[in-house]
Amino acid sequence: MQGVELSLKDQQTFDKTMTPDILKALSTDQLFIECADASEYIASDREGNLALLDEAERRMKQGELEVSRFELIHAALAISRDDRDHISIFIAMQPTHAWHGYQRALRAAAGKQELKYLYHGTLRSRLIGIARDGLRPAKRPKKWGQSGITAHAASGVFFERNWRRASNWVGAAAVDHTMRPVKGAIIRIPVGDMLVENDQRSAGSLVVRQDQISVKDAHVRLYPFTAVVEWMPLSEGIETVRRIRKDQKQKRA
């Protein structure tokens, strides 16, 4: 997924909701996992990745994180700040195989992750229906051009192991003709006692073959997607979307 270029309006929303305090609340293990996930999508959340790097540096300076581990995070995220207003990606300065080595080393350092949450990318306009009916297999799945894939898409509810992968599905499922990112939403639900299977058609993806999945404990993250925006209860996300629509109508009036 390519880096998201925010409009002025989106950037203002981003600035209001961005809070690095979210990262301060993470345990060191959780920070490592977040950085490992981010290293696989370095261009999709550059500001969030920079905040991760800043938090890792803060912990290193306070003696909470080994220097070697901070250097590994730094190398794997492939990001640096020349000053407080400029971000530069320096992956082009590294051999590709070396960068992938940093990624693998960071993932290994993060350790095996327990699957606690499932992440589902959708559109903001669908949140009300999801809150009412839960998550269900698609009744009218997107026409992917192959009947087998279309039938597969209707065979269950599909999830990802982290929100970054889920954000890619938002863009793949619904983009306008100019290919700009859709203003979607990512739903996070606890695994609980659900039977989760590997998706045989998409490596790393997951599927739950239930007619209905409860969202009573669901949280949501609205576009623009970044590591430093709070997860909010689904009901709060719906109210936020309603406020956005109301503001848009008033501006058009």
C-alpha atoms as a PDB file:
ATOM      1  CA  MET A   1       0.000   0.000   0.000  1.00  0.00           C
ATOM      2  CA  GLN A   2       1.382   3.384  -0.948  1.00  0.00           C
ATOM      3  CA  GLY A   3       1.774   6.225   1.490  1.00  0.00           C
ATOM      4  CA  VAL A   4      -1.386   8.155   2.246  1.00  0.00           C
ATOM      5  CA  GLU A   5      -1.320  11.763   1.147  1.00  0.00           C
ATOM      6  CA  LEU A   6      -3.701  13.651   3.418  1.00  0.00           C
ATOM      7  CA  SER A   7      -5.863  16.523   2.300  1.00  0.00           C
ATOM      8  CA  LEU A   8      -5.749  19.679   4.434  1.00  0.00           C
ATOM      9  CA  LYS A   9      -9.069  18.682   6.020  1.00  0.00           C
ATOM     10  CA  ASP A  10      -7.816  15.177   6.792  1.00  0.00           C
ATOM     11  CA  GLN A  11      -4.539  16.546   8.145  1.00  0.00           C
ATOM     12  CA  GLN A  12      -6.436  18.831  10.529  1.00  0.00           C
ATOM     13  CA  THR A  13      -8.441  15.823  11.780  1.00  0.00           C
ATOM     14  CA  PHE A  14      -5.230  13.828  12.079  1.00  0.00           C
ATOM     15  CA  ASP A  15      -3.507  16.566  14.089  1.00  0.00           C
ATOM     16  CA  LYS A  16      -6.431  16.818  16.531  1.00  0.00           C
ATOM     17  CA  THR A  17      -6.569  13.076  17.228  1.00  0.00           C
ATOM     18  CA  MET A  18      -2.882  12.198  17.090  1.00  0.00           C
ATOM     19  CA  THR A  19      -1.508  11.522  20.560  1.00  0.00           C
ATOM     20  CA  PRO A  20       1.836   9.801  21.193  1.00  0.00           C
ATOM     21  CA  ASP A  21       0.585   9.106  24.747  1.00  0.00           C
ATOM     22  CA  ILE A  22      -1.042   6.019  23.224  1.00  0.00           C
ATOM     23  CA  LEU A  23       2.431   4.664  22.555  1.00  0.00           C
ATOM     24  CA  LYS A  24       3.685   5.518  26.043  1.00  0.00           C
ATOM     25  CA  ALA A  25       1.005   3.233  27.448  1.00  0.00           C
ATOM     26  CA  LEU A  26       2.364   0.237  25.518  1.00  0.00           C
ATOM     27  CA  SER A  27       4.567  -2.302  27.229  1.00  0.00           C
ATOM     28  CA  THR A  28       7.996  -2.788  25.657  1.00  0.00           C
ATOM     29  CA  ASP A  29       6.810  -6.079  24.161  1.00  0.00           C
ATOM     30  CA  GLN A  30       3.750  -4.367  22.685  1.00  0.00           C
ATOM     31  CA  LEU A  31       5.928  -1.579  21.291  1.00  0.00           C
ATOM     32  CA  PHE A  32       8.153  -4.163  19.622  1.00  0.00           C
ATOM     33  CA  ILE A  33       5.149  -5.878  18.042  1.00  0.00           C
ATOM     34  CA  GLU A  34       3.789  -2.542  16.802  1.00  0.00           C
ATOM     35  CA  CYS A  35       7.183  -1.667  15.305  1.00  0.00           C
ATOM     36  CA  ALA A  36       7.492  -5.104  13.691  1.00  0.00           C
ATOM     37  CA  ASP A  37       4.079  -4.680  12.070  1.00  0.00           C
ATOM     38  CA  ALA A  38       4.973  -1.155  10.971  1.00  0.00           C
ATOM     39  CA  SER A  39       8.217  -2.316   9.344  1.00  0.00           C
ATOM     40  CA  GLU A  40       6.183  -4.293   6.805  1.00  0.00           C
ATOM     41  CA  TYR A  41       4.271  -1.160   5.742  1.00  0.00           C
ATOM     42  CA  ILE A  42       6.790   1.633   6.124  1.00  0.00           C
ATOM     43  CA  ALA A  43       5.125   3.984   3.636  1.00  0.00           C
ATOM     44  CA  SER A  44       1.516   3.659   4.812  1.00  0.00           C
ATOM     45  CA  ASP A  45       1.783   5.505   8.160  1.00  0.00           C
ATOM     46  CA  ARG A  46       4.923   7.614   8.083  1.00  0.00           C
ATOM     47  CA  GLU A  47       3.904   9.978  10.883  1.00  0.00           C
ATOM     48  CA  GLY A  48       2.813   7.070  13.059  1.00  0.00           C
ATOM     49  CA  ASN A  49       6.046   5.191  12.347  1.00  0.00           C
ATOM     50  CA  LEU A  50       8.012   8.274  13.269  1.00  0.00           C
ATOM     51  CA  ALA A  51       6.117   8.470  16.566  1.00  0.00           C
ATOM     52  CA  LEU A  52       7.024   4.813  17.192  1.00  0.00           C
ATOM     53  CA  LEU A  53      10.666   5.620  16.571  1.00  0.00           C
ATOM     54  CA  ASP A  54      10.495   8.652  18.881  1.00  0.00           C
ATOM     55  CA  GLU A  55       8.954   6.513  21.639  1.00  0.00           C
ATOM     56  CA  ALA A  56      11.624   3.838  21.226  1.00  0.00           C
ATOM     57  CA  GLU A  57      14.323   6.525  21.424  1.00  0.00           C
ATOM     58  CA  ARG A  58      12.739   8.007  24.553  1.00  0.00           C
ATOM     59  CA  ARG A  59      12.819   4.606  26.256  1.00  0.00           C
ATOM     60  CA  MET A  60      16.405   4.015  25.172  1.00  0.00           C
ATOM     61  CA  LYS A  61      17.525   7.332  26.674  1.00  0.00           C
ATOM     62  CA  GLN A  62      15.745   6.476  29.924  1.00  0.00           C
ATOM     63  CA  GLY A  63      17.385   3.070  30.065  1.00  0.00           C
ATOM     64  CA  GLU A  64      14.157   1.180  29.436  1.00  0.00           C
ATOM     65  CA  LEU A  65      15.285  -0.169  26.050  1.00  0.00           C
ATOM     66  CA  GLU A  66      18.660  -1.558  25.032  1.00  0.00           C
ATOM     67  CA  VAL A  67      20.592   0.502  22.495  1.00  0.00           C
ATOM     68  CA  SER A  68      20.911  -2.509  20.195  1.00  0.00           C
ATOM     69  CA  ARG A  69      17.154  -2.963  20.179  1.00  0.00           C
ATOM     70  CA  PHE A  70      16.555   0.698  19.408  1.00  0.00           C
ATOM     71  CA  GLU A  71      19.019   0.491  16.524  1.00  0.00           C
ATOM     72  CA  LEU A  72      17.170  -2.545  15.183  1.00  0.00           C
ATOM     73  CA  ILE A  73      13.845  -0.675  15.295  1.00  0.00           C
ATOM     74  CA  HIS A  74      15.452   2.324  13.612  1.00  0.00           C
ATOM     75  CA  ALA A  75      16.898   0.233  10.799  1.00  0.00           C
ATOM     76  CA  ALA A  76      13.747  -1.838  10.242  1.00  0.00           C
ATOM     77  CA  LEU A  77      11.435   1.190  10.094  1.00  0.00           C
ATOM     78  CA  ALA A  78      13.825   2.790   7.591  1.00  0.00           C
ATOM     79  CA  ILE A  79      12.860   6.287   8.696  1.00  0.00           C
ATOM     80  CA  SER A  80      14.713   9.260  10.131  1.00  0.00           C
ATOM     81  CA  ARG A  81      13.947  12.846  10.991  1.00  0.00           C
ATOM     82  CA  ASP A  82      16.291  15.498   9.723  1.00  0.00           C
ATOM     83  CA  ASP A  83      14.438  18.046  11.810  1.00  0.00           C
ATOM     84  CA  ARG A  84      11.022  18.347  13.479  1.00  0.00           C
ATOM     85  CA  ASP A  85       9.286  19.330  10.230  1.00  0.00           C
ATOM     86  CA  HIS A  86      10.851  17.012   7.680  1.00  0.00           C
ATOM     87  CA  ILE A  87      10.655  13.264   7.270  1.00  0.00           C
ATOM     88  CA  SER A  88      13.007  11.340   5.015  1.00  0.00           C
ATOM     89  CA  ILE A  89      12.788   7.699   4.046  1.00  0.00           C
ATOM     90  CA  PHE A  90      16.269   6.272   3.681  1.00  0.00           C
ATOM     91  CA  ILE A  91      15.417   2.754   2.604  1.00  0.00           C
ATOM     92  CA  ALA A  92      16.796   3.614  -0.842  1.00  0.00           C
ATOM     93  CA  MET A  93      20.199   4.076   0.800  1.00  0.00           C
ATOM     94  CA  GLN A  94      20.199   0.492   2.094  1.00  0.00           C
ATOM     95  CA  PRO A  95      20.550  -2.716   0.095  1.00  0.00           C
ATOM     96  CA  THR A  96      17.107  -4.331  -0.094  1.00  0.00           C
ATOM     97  CA  HIS A  97      18.341  -7.617   1.339  1.00  0.00           C
ATOM     98  CA  ALA A  98      19.784  -5.777   4.354  1.00  0.00           C
ATOM     99  CA  TRP A  99      16.486  -4.034   5.076  1.00  0.00           C
ATOM    100  CA  HIS A 100      14.578  -7.330   4.855  1.00  0.00           C
ATOM    101  CA  GLY A 101      17.128  -8.755   7.279  1.00  0.00           C
ATOM    102  CA  TYR A 102      16.320  -5.981   9.751  1.00  0.00           C
ATOM    103  CA  GLN A 103      12.604  -6.714   9.332  1.00  0.00           C
ATOM    104  CA  ARG A 104      13.073 -10.406  10.048  1.00  0.00           C
ATOM    105  CA  ALA A 105      15.309  -9.684  13.041  1.00  0.00           C
ATOM    106  CA  LEU A 106      12.768  -7.247  14.484  1.00  0.00           C
ATOM    107  CA  ARG A 107       9.952  -9.742  13.994  1.00  0.00           C
ATOM    108  CA  ALA A 108      12.018 -12.436  15.728  1.00  0.00           C
ATOM    109  CA  ALA A 109      12.819 -10.056  18.600  1.00  0.00           C
ATOM    110  CA  ALA A 110       9.103  -9.296  18.997  1.00  0.00           C
ATOM    111  CA  GLY A 111       8.479 -13.006  19.556  1.00  0.00           C
ATOM    112  CA  LYS A 112       5.459 -15.102  18.717  1.00  0.00           C
ATOM    113  CA  GLN A 113       2.273 -13.111  19.060  1.00  0.00           C
ATOM    114  CA  GLU A 114      -0.830 -14.417  20.760  1.00  0.00           C
ATOM    115  CA  LEU A 115      -3.856 -13.795  18.576  1.00  0.00           C
ATOM    116  CA  LYS A 116      -6.000 -11.547  20.793  1.00  0.00           C
ATOM    117  CA  TYR A 117      -7.799  -9.406  18.216  1.00  0.00           C
ATOM    118  CA  LEU A 118      -9.090  -9.705  14.660  1.00  0.00           C
ATOM    119  CA  TYR A 119      -9.131  -6.713  12.302  1.00  0.00           C
ATOM    120  CA  HIS A 120     -11.638  -6.128   9.520  1.00  0.00           C
ATOM    121  CA  GLY A 121     -11.442  -3.326   6.966  1.00  0.00           C
ATOM    122  CA  THR A 122     -14.735  -1.813   5.835  1.00  0.00           C
ATOM    123  CA  LEU A 123     -16.355   1.482   4.842  1.00  0.00           C
ATOM    124  CA  ARG A 124     -17.573   4.119   7.276  1.00  0.00           C
ATOM    125  CA  SER A 125     -20.999   3.994   5.614  1.00  0.00           C
ATOM    126  CA  ARG A 126     -21.386   0.350   6.679  1.00  0.00           C
ATOM    127  CA  LEU A 127     -20.786   0.848  10.399  1.00  0.00           C
ATOM    128  CA  ILE A 128     -24.446   1.395  11.305  1.00  0.00           C
ATOM    129  CA  GLY A 129     -25.481  -1.831   9.597  1.00  0.00           C
ATOM    130  CA  ILE A 130     -22.609  -3.719  11.218  1.00  0.00           C
ATOM    131  CA  ALA A 131     -23.594  -2.406  14.661  1.00  0.00           C
ATOM    132  CA  ARG A 132     -27.168  -3.558  14.022  1.00  0.00           C
ATOM    133  CA  ASP A 133     -26.530  -6.942  12.376  1.00  0.00           C
ATOM    134  CA  GLY A 134     -22.983  -7.852  13.368  1.00  0.00           C
ATOM    135  CA  LEU A 135     -20.364  -8.940  10.862  1.00  0.00           C
ATOM    136  CA  ARG A 136     -21.761 -11.349   8.294  1.00  0.00           C
ATOM    137  CA  PRO A 137     -20.446 -13.092   5.177  1.00  0.00           C
ATOM    138  CA  ALA A 138     -20.921 -10.890   2.116  1.00  0.00           C
ATOM    139  CA  LYS A 139     -24.327 -11.306   0.470  1.00  0.00           C
ATOM    140  CA  ARG A 140     -23.164  -9.525  -2.659  1.00  0.00           C
ATOM    141  CA  PRO A 141     -19.369  -9.888  -2.719  1.00  0.00           C
ATOM    142  CA  LYS A 142     -17.340  -7.732  -5.031  1.00  0.00           C
ATOM    143  CA  LYS A 143     -17.076  -9.168  -8.546  1.00  0.00           C
ATOM    144  CA  TRP A 144     -13.414 -10.082  -8.703  1.00  0.00           C
ATOM    145  CA  GLY A 145     -13.704 -11.462 -12.230  1.00  0.00           C
ATOM    146  CA  GLN A 146     -13.514 -15.119 -11.236  1.00  0.00           C
ATOM    147  CA  SER A 147     -16.533 -17.018  -9.961  1.00  0.00           C
ATOM    148  CA  GLY A 148     -14.401 -19.095  -7.580  1.00  0.00           C
ATOM    149  CA  ILE A 149     -13.030 -16.022  -5.850  1.00  0.00           C
ATOM    150  CA  THR A 150     -16.466 -14.420  -5.637  1.00  0.00           C
ATOM    151  CA  ALA A 151     -17.905 -17.564  -4.024  1.00  0.00           C
ATOM    152  CA  HIS A 152     -14.944 -17.707  -1.639  1.00  0.00           C
ATOM    153  CA  ALA A 153     -15.580 -14.099  -0.596  1.00  0.00           C
ATOM    154  CA  ALA A 154     -19.110 -15.093   0.475  1.00  0.00           C
ATOM    155  CA  SER A 155     -17.969 -18.144   2.459  1.00  0.00           C
ATOM    156  CA  GLY A 156     -17.115 -16.338   5.705  1.00  0.00           C
ATOM    157  CA  VAL A 157     -16.008 -13.095   7.347  1.00  0.00           C
ATOM    158  CA  PHE A 158     -12.406 -12.246   6.587  1.00  0.00           C
ATOM    159  CA  PHE A 159      -9.915 -10.684   8.964  1.00  0.00           C
ATOM    160  CA  GLU A 160      -6.272  -9.752   9.357  1.00  0.00           C
ATOM    161  CA  ARG A 161      -3.870 -10.164  12.267  1.00  0.00           C
ATOM    162  CA  ASN A 162      -3.092  -6.450  12.442  1.00  0.00           C
ATOM    163  CA  TRP A 163      -4.768  -3.213  11.456  1.00  0.00           C
ATOM    164  CA  ARG A 164      -2.243  -2.283   8.786  1.00  0.00           C
ATOM    165  CA  ARG A 165      -3.064  -5.347   6.711  1.00  0.00           C
ATOM    166  CA  ALA A 166      -6.769  -4.671   7.233  1.00  0.00           C
ATOM    167  CA  SER A 167      -6.330  -1.119   5.921  1.00  0.00           C
ATOM    168  CA  ASN A 168      -5.052  -2.553   2.638  1.00  0.00           C
ATOM    169  CA  TRP A 169      -8.341  -4.394   2.155  1.00  0.00           C
ATOM    170  CA  VAL A 170     -10.289  -1.161   2.608  1.00  0.00           C
ATOM    171  CA  GLY A 171      -8.425   0.283  -0.357  1.00  0.00           C
ATOM    172  CA  ALA A 172      -8.693  -2.896  -2.423  1.00  0.00           C
ATOM    173  CA  ALA A 173     -12.419  -3.285  -1.863  1.00  0.00           C
ATOM    174  CA  ALA A 174     -13.537   0.242  -2.645  1.00  0.00           C
ATOM    175  CA  VAL A 175     -11.556   2.961  -4.335  1.00  0.00           C
ATOM    176  CA  ASP A 176     -12.925   5.615  -6.624  1.00  0.00           C
ATOM    177  CA  HIS A 177     -11.918   5.947 -10.234  1.00  0.00           C
ATOM    178  CA  THR A 178      -8.943   8.162  -9.313  1.00  0.00           C
ATOM    179  CA  MET A 179      -7.591   5.469  -6.945  1.00  0.00           C
ATOM    180  CA  ARG A 180      -7.594   7.797  -3.947  1.00  0.00           C
ATOM    181  CA  PRO A 181      -7.835   6.055  -0.567  1.00  0.00           C
ATOM    182  CA  VAL A 182     -11.369   5.473   0.602  1.00  0.00           C
ATOM    183  CA  LYS A 183     -12.334   7.026   3.908  1.00  0.00           C
ATOM    184  CA  GLY A 184     -13.052   3.746   5.566  1.00  0.00           C
ATOM    185  CA  ALA A 185     -12.870   2.169   8.976  1.00  0.00           C
ATOM    186  CA  ILE A 186     -11.065  -0.719  10.629  1.00  0.00           C
ATOM    187  CA  ILE A 187     -13.005  -2.804  13.128  1.00  0.00           C
ATOM    188  CA  ARG A 188     -11.149  -4.580  15.936  1.00  0.00           C
ATOM    189  CA  ILE A 189     -12.867  -7.402  17.811  1.00  0.00           C
ATOM    190  CA  PRO A 190     -11.576  -9.802  20.483  1.00  0.00           C
ATOM    191  CA  VAL A 191     -10.983 -13.349  19.253  1.00  0.00           C
ATOM    192  CA  GLY A 192     -12.782 -14.852  22.241  1.00  0.00           C
ATOM    193  CA  ASP A 193     -13.974 -18.367  21.486  1.00  0.00           C
ATOM    194  CA  MET A 194     -14.308 -17.896  17.720  1.00  0.00           C
ATOM    195  CA  LEU A 195     -12.955 -20.636  15.471  1.00  0.00           C
ATOM    196  CA  VAL A 196     -10.401 -18.838  13.308  1.00  0.00           C
ATOM    197  CA  GLU A 197      -9.020 -20.454  10.153  1.00  0.00           C
ATOM    198  CA  ASN A 198      -6.254 -19.467   7.771  1.00  0.00           C
ATOM    199  CA  ASP A 199      -7.551 -18.064   4.488  1.00  0.00           C
ATOM    200  CA  GLN A 200      -6.329 -20.461   1.812  1.00  0.00           C
ATOM    201  CA  ARG A 201      -6.497 -17.824  -0.917  1.00  0.00           C
ATOM    202  CA  SER A 202      -4.665 -14.999   0.842  1.00  0.00           C
ATOM    203  CA  ALA A 203      -1.486 -15.827   2.740  1.00  0.00           C
ATOM    204  CA  GLY A 204      -1.581 -14.502   6.289  1.00  0.00           C
ATOM    205  CA  SER A 205      -5.274 -13.596   6.209  1.00  0.00           C
ATOM    206  CA  LEU A 206      -7.881 -15.229   8.435  1.00  0.00           C
ATOM    207  CA  VAL A 207     -11.505 -16.293   8.069  1.00  0.00           C
ATOM    208  CA  VAL A 208     -14.322 -17.065  10.500  1.00  0.00           C
ATOM    209  CA  ARG A 209     -17.122 -19.161   8.997  1.00  0.00           C
ATOM    210  CA  GLN A 210     -20.084 -17.978  11.050  1.00  0.00           C
ATOM    211  CA  ASP A 211     -23.413 -16.577   9.874  1.00  0.00           C
ATOM    212  CA  GLN A 212     -23.075 -13.697  12.319  1.00  0.00           C
ATOM    213  CA  ILE A 213     -20.227 -12.353  14.444  1.00  0.00           C
ATOM    214  CA  SER A 214     -21.089 -10.183  17.429  1.00  0.00           C
ATOM    215  CA  VAL A 215     -19.588  -6.694  17.563  1.00  0.00           C
ATOM    216  CA  LYS A 216     -20.704  -5.820  21.100  1.00  0.00           C
ATOM    217  CA  ASP A 217     -17.050  -5.526  22.172  1.00  0.00           C
ATOM    218  CA  ALA A 218     -15.832  -4.014  18.897  1.00  0.00           C
ATOM    219  CA  HIS A 219     -13.685  -0.922  18.600  1.00  0.00           C
ATOM    220  CA  VAL A 220     -13.025   1.077  15.473  1.00  0.00           C
ATOM    221  CA  ARG A 221     -10.305   3.265  13.983  1.00  0.00           C
ATOM    222  CA  LEU A 222     -11.413   5.736  11.324  1.00  0.00           C
ATOM    223  CA  TYR A 223      -9.451   6.961   8.303  1.00  0.00           C
ATOM    224  CA  PRO A 224      -6.778   8.339   8.177  1.00  0.00           C
ATOM    225  CA  PHE A 225      -5.301   5.193   9.723  1.00  0.00           C
ATOM    226  CA  THR A 226      -2.320   5.702  12.006  1.00  0.00           C
ATOM    227  CA  ALA A 227      -0.737   4.104  15.062  1.00  0.00           C
ATOM    228  CA  VAL A 228      -1.287   7.234  17.130  1.00  0.00           C
ATOM    229  CA  VAL A 229      -5.059   7.597  16.911  1.00  0.00           C
ATOM    230  CA  GLU A 230      -7.186   6.053  19.643  1.00  0.00           C
ATOM    231  CA  TRP A 231      -9.380   3.022  19.070  1.00  0.00           C
ATOM    232  CA  MET A 232     -12.923   4.044  19.960  1.00  0.00           C
ATOM    233  CA  PRO A 233     -16.009   1.961  20.769  1.00  0.00           C
ATOM    234  CA  LEU A 234     -18.066   1.196  17.651  1.00  0.00           C
ATOM    235  CA  SER A 235     -20.954   3.351  18.902  1.00  0.00           C
ATOM    236  CA  GLU A 236     -18.598   6.323  19.306  1.00  0.00           C
ATOM    237  CA  GLY A 237     -17.204   5.735  15.824  1.00  0.00           C
ATOM    238  CA  ILE A 238     -20.712   5.866  14.374  1.00  0.00           C
ATOM    239  CA  GLU A 239     -21.440   9.136  16.178  1.00  0.00           C
ATOM    240  CA  THR A 240     -18.161  10.556  14.862  1.00  0.00           C
ATOM    241  CA  VAL A 241     -19.150   9.631  11.296  1.00  0.00           C
ATOM    242  CA  ARG A 242     -22.543  11.276  11.808  1.00  0.00           C
ATOM    243  CA  ARG A 243     -20.878  14.474  12.981  1.00  0.00           C
ATOM    244  CA  ILE A 244     -18.600  14.433   9.947  1.00  0.00           C
ATOM    245  CA  ARG A 245     -21.585  14.051   7.615  1.00  0.00           C
ATOM    246  CA  LYS A 246     -23.481  16.831   9.396  1.00  0.00           C
ATOM    247  CA  ASP A 247     -20.507  19.175   9.081  1.00  0.00           C
ATOM    248  CA  GLN A 248     -20.153  18.337   5.405  1.00  0.00           C
ATOM    249  CA  LYS A 249     -23.850  19.076   4.753  1.00  0.00           C
ATOM    250  CA  GLN A 250     -23.621  22.395   6.567  1.00  0.00           C
ATOM    251  CA  LYS A 251     -20.588  23.411   4.529  1.00  0.00           C
ATOM    252  CA  ARG A 252     -22.372  22.547   1.277  1.00  0.00           C
ATOM    253  CA  ALA A 253     -25.521  24.471   2.275  1.00  0.00           C
END
